[in-house]
Each structure stands twice: as C-alpha cells, then as structure tokens.
Amino acid sequence: GCLEKVRRLCAIREQKGYHYSIEVDGGVNRETASMIREAGTDVLISGSAFFASPSPSAEVQFFKGSAIV
C-alpha cells in the first residue's frame, strides 16, 4: 500500500507542477530501501535499521543508493 501511495503522490506532483518532498518513515531497511526509492520517495527515515547497524555510515550510503555494502 505504501509504495502505491508514493507512486500516486509522485504522479500528482508531476501533473500539477508541485514541489513537495515525499518521505517514508517506518519499515525502511535493506530489504525495502531500493523499492521505496524506486517508487519516487525523496527522503527515507530509518530508525532501528540505522541504529542496529555495525556501520551506520555504510547504512546511510546504502539507503541513498550510492553503495551496496
């Protein structure tokens, strides 16, 4: 459900020329980050996946899509 909402918000933003950011908070981890980014999310908010990681900086890079660690 969340990914479909993000896609719909992206379509509305594009059609109407709006300039808002779309963020997802909750359930963001290594299994979901790429799907969420691909749906069009601008901001990922991760709590437990970030704080439980042995390398938080690597986690940030992974969530940004700029590194696969």
N, C-alpha and C. Protein backbone atom coordinates (compact mmCIF):
# COMPACT_ATOMS: atom_id res chain seq x y z
N GLY A 1 0.80 -1.20 0.00
CA GLY A 1 0.00 0.00 0.00
C GLY A 1 0.84 1.26 0.00
N CYS A 2 1.89 1.27 0.75
CA CYS A 2 2.73 2.47 0.86
C CYS A 2 3.35 2.83 -0.48
N LEU A 3 3.87 1.85 -1.19
CA LEU A 3 4.53 2.14 -2.47
C LEU A 3 3.54 2.71 -3.48
N GLU A 4 2.33 2.20 -3.49
CA GLU A 4 1.32 2.72 -4.41
C GLU A 4 0.98 4.16 -4.05
N LYS A 5 0.90 4.48 -2.77
CA LYS A 5 0.64 5.86 -2.35
C LYS A 5 1.76 6.79 -2.80
N VAL A 6 2.99 6.33 -2.68
CA VAL A 6 4.13 7.14 -3.10
C VAL A 6 4.06 7.38 -4.60
N ARG A 7 3.79 6.34 -5.36
CA ARG A 7 3.68 6.50 -6.82
C ARG A 7 2.58 7.49 -7.20
N ARG A 8 1.45 7.39 -6.51
CA ARG A 8 0.33 8.29 -6.78
C ARG A 8 0.70 9.74 -6.45
N LEU A 9 1.38 9.93 -5.31
CA LEU A 9 1.84 11.28 -4.94
C LEU A 9 2.84 11.83 -5.95
N CYS A 10 3.72 10.98 -6.45
CA CYS A 10 4.68 11.41 -7.48
C CYS A 10 3.97 11.86 -8.74
N ALA A 11 2.96 11.10 -9.14
CA ALA A 11 2.20 11.44 -10.35
C ALA A 11 1.48 12.78 -10.17
N ILE A 12 0.86 12.98 -9.02
CA ILE A 12 0.16 14.25 -8.75
C ILE A 12 1.16 15.40 -8.76
N ARG A 13 2.29 15.20 -8.12
CA ARG A 13 3.32 16.24 -8.05
C ARG A 13 3.75 16.65 -9.46
N GLU A 14 3.97 15.66 -10.31
CA GLU A 14 4.41 15.94 -11.67
C GLU A 14 3.31 16.61 -12.49
N GLN A 15 2.09 16.08 -12.41
CA GLN A 15 0.98 16.61 -13.19
C GLN A 15 0.66 18.06 -12.83
N LYS A 16 0.71 18.36 -11.54
CA LYS A 16 0.32 19.69 -11.06
C LYS A 16 1.49 20.66 -10.95
N GLY A 17 2.71 20.15 -11.13
CA GLY A 17 3.87 21.02 -11.00
C GLY A 17 4.18 21.40 -9.57
N TYR A 18 3.77 20.57 -8.64
CA TYR A 18 4.04 20.85 -7.23
C TYR A 18 5.51 20.58 -6.91
N HIS A 19 5.96 21.12 -5.80
CA HIS A 19 7.36 20.99 -5.40
C HIS A 19 7.47 20.50 -3.95
N TYR A 20 6.78 19.44 -3.62
CA TYR A 20 6.88 18.89 -2.27
C TYR A 20 7.77 17.66 -2.26
N SER A 21 8.29 17.37 -1.09
CA SER A 21 9.10 16.15 -0.92
C SER A 21 8.21 15.05 -0.36
N ILE A 22 8.52 13.84 -0.77
CA ILE A 22 7.80 12.67 -0.27
C ILE A 22 8.77 11.88 0.59
N GLU A 23 8.35 11.60 1.82
CA GLU A 23 9.22 10.84 2.70
C GLU A 23 8.48 9.64 3.27
N VAL A 24 9.25 8.59 3.54
CA VAL A 24 8.70 7.38 4.14
C VAL A 24 9.42 7.17 5.46
N ASP A 25 8.63 7.01 6.50
CA ASP A 25 9.14 6.79 7.85
C ASP A 25 8.52 5.51 8.37
N GLY A 26 9.37 4.52 8.61
CA GLY A 26 8.87 3.25 9.14
C GLY A 26 9.06 2.14 8.14
N GLY A 27 9.68 1.08 8.58
CA GLY A 27 9.88 -0.08 7.72
C GLY A 27 10.99 0.09 6.70
N VAL A 28 11.82 1.11 6.88
CA VAL A 28 12.92 1.32 5.93
C VAL A 28 14.12 0.52 6.39
N ASN A 29 14.53 -0.44 5.56
CA ASN A 29 15.68 -1.28 5.87
C ASN A 29 16.32 -1.72 4.56
N ARG A 30 17.29 -2.59 4.63
CA ARG A 30 18.00 -3.01 3.41
C ARG A 30 17.09 -3.76 2.43
N GLU A 31 16.05 -4.40 2.91
CA GLU A 31 15.14 -5.13 2.01
C GLU A 31 14.17 -4.19 1.31
N THR A 32 13.84 -3.05 1.93
CA THR A 32 12.80 -2.18 1.38
C THR A 32 13.32 -0.88 0.76
N ALA A 33 14.53 -0.48 1.09
CA ALA A 33 15.03 0.84 0.68
C ALA A 33 15.00 1.06 -0.83
N SER A 34 15.47 0.10 -1.60
CA SER A 34 15.51 0.31 -3.05
C SER A 34 14.10 0.40 -3.64
N MET A 35 13.17 -0.41 -3.15
CA MET A 35 11.79 -0.34 -3.65
C MET A 35 11.17 1.01 -3.33
N ILE A 36 11.45 1.50 -2.14
CA ILE A 36 10.89 2.78 -1.72
C ILE A 36 11.48 3.91 -2.57
N ARG A 37 12.79 3.88 -2.80
CA ARG A 37 13.43 4.90 -3.64
C ARG A 37 12.87 4.84 -5.05
N GLU A 38 12.76 3.66 -5.62
CA GLU A 38 12.28 3.49 -7.00
C GLU A 38 10.84 3.97 -7.16
N ALA A 39 10.05 3.89 -6.09
CA ALA A 39 8.66 4.37 -6.15
C ALA A 39 8.60 5.89 -6.26
N GLY A 40 9.71 6.56 -5.87
CA GLY A 40 9.76 8.02 -6.01
C GLY A 40 9.94 8.79 -4.73
N THR A 41 10.21 8.10 -3.65
CA THR A 41 10.41 8.77 -2.37
C THR A 41 11.67 9.63 -2.41
N ASP A 42 11.57 10.81 -1.83
CA ASP A 42 12.71 11.73 -1.76
C ASP A 42 13.52 11.55 -0.49
N VAL A 43 12.85 11.17 0.59
CA VAL A 43 13.50 11.07 1.89
C VAL A 43 13.13 9.74 2.54
N LEU A 44 14.14 9.00 2.98
CA LEU A 44 13.93 7.77 3.74
C LEU A 44 14.29 8.03 5.19
N ILE A 45 13.41 7.62 6.09
CA ILE A 45 13.69 7.78 7.51
C ILE A 45 13.80 6.39 8.10
N SER A 46 14.96 6.10 8.66
CA SER A 46 15.21 4.78 9.23
C SER A 46 15.67 4.94 10.67
N GLY A 47 15.08 4.16 11.52
CA GLY A 47 15.49 4.18 12.92
C GLY A 47 16.26 2.94 13.29
N SER A 48 15.56 1.85 13.51
CA SER A 48 16.19 0.63 14.03
C SER A 48 17.22 0.05 13.08
N ALA A 49 16.98 0.10 11.78
CA ALA A 49 17.96 -0.44 10.83
C ALA A 49 19.26 0.36 10.88
N PHE A 50 19.14 1.66 11.07
CA PHE A 50 20.31 2.52 11.16
C PHE A 50 21.06 2.30 12.47
N PHE A 51 20.34 2.37 13.57
CA PHE A 51 20.99 2.28 14.88
C PHE A 51 21.49 0.88 15.21
N ALA A 52 20.91 -0.14 14.60
CA ALA A 52 21.35 -1.52 14.85
C ALA A 52 22.51 -1.92 13.94
N SER A 53 22.83 -1.09 12.98
CA SER A 53 23.89 -1.43 12.03
C SER A 53 25.27 -1.31 12.66
N PRO A 54 26.18 -2.23 12.33
CA PRO A 54 27.55 -2.11 12.83
C PRO A 54 28.28 -0.93 12.19
N SER A 55 27.76 -0.45 11.04
CA SER A 55 28.37 0.69 10.36
C SER A 55 27.26 1.65 9.90
N PRO A 56 26.83 2.55 10.76
CA PRO A 56 25.76 3.48 10.38
C PRO A 56 26.07 4.29 9.12
N SER A 57 27.33 4.68 8.92
CA SER A 57 27.66 5.46 7.72
C SER A 57 27.46 4.62 6.45
N ALA A 58 27.78 3.33 6.51
CA ALA A 58 27.54 2.45 5.36
C ALA A 58 26.04 2.29 5.13
N GLU A 59 25.29 2.27 6.20
CA GLU A 59 23.83 2.16 6.08
C GLU A 59 23.26 3.38 5.36
N VAL A 60 23.75 4.55 5.70
CA VAL A 60 23.30 5.77 5.04
C VAL A 60 23.60 5.70 3.55
N GLN A 61 24.81 5.30 3.19
CA GLN A 61 25.17 5.19 1.78
C GLN A 61 24.28 4.18 1.06
N PHE A 62 23.98 3.07 1.71
CA PHE A 62 23.10 2.07 1.12
C PHE A 62 21.71 2.64 0.88
N PHE A 63 21.18 3.34 1.88
CA PHE A 63 19.84 3.91 1.76
C PHE A 63 19.78 4.96 0.66
N LYS A 64 20.87 5.67 0.47
CA LYS A 64 20.93 6.66 -0.61
C LYS A 64 21.04 6.00 -1.97
N GLY A 65 21.43 4.73 -1.98
CA GLY A 65 21.58 4.03 -3.25
C GLY A 65 22.94 4.23 -3.87
N SER A 66 23.88 4.76 -3.09
CA SER A 66 25.19 5.03 -3.65
C SER A 66 26.23 3.98 -3.28
N ALA A 67 25.82 2.98 -2.51
CA ALA A 67 26.76 1.90 -2.18
C ALA A 67 25.98 0.67 -1.77
N ILE A 68 26.51 -0.47 -2.14
CA ILE A 68 25.92 -1.73 -1.69
C ILE A 68 26.98 -2.40 -0.82
N VAL A 69 26.68 -2.45 0.45
CA VAL A 69 27.63 -2.98 1.43
C VAL A 69 27.07 -4.23 2.05
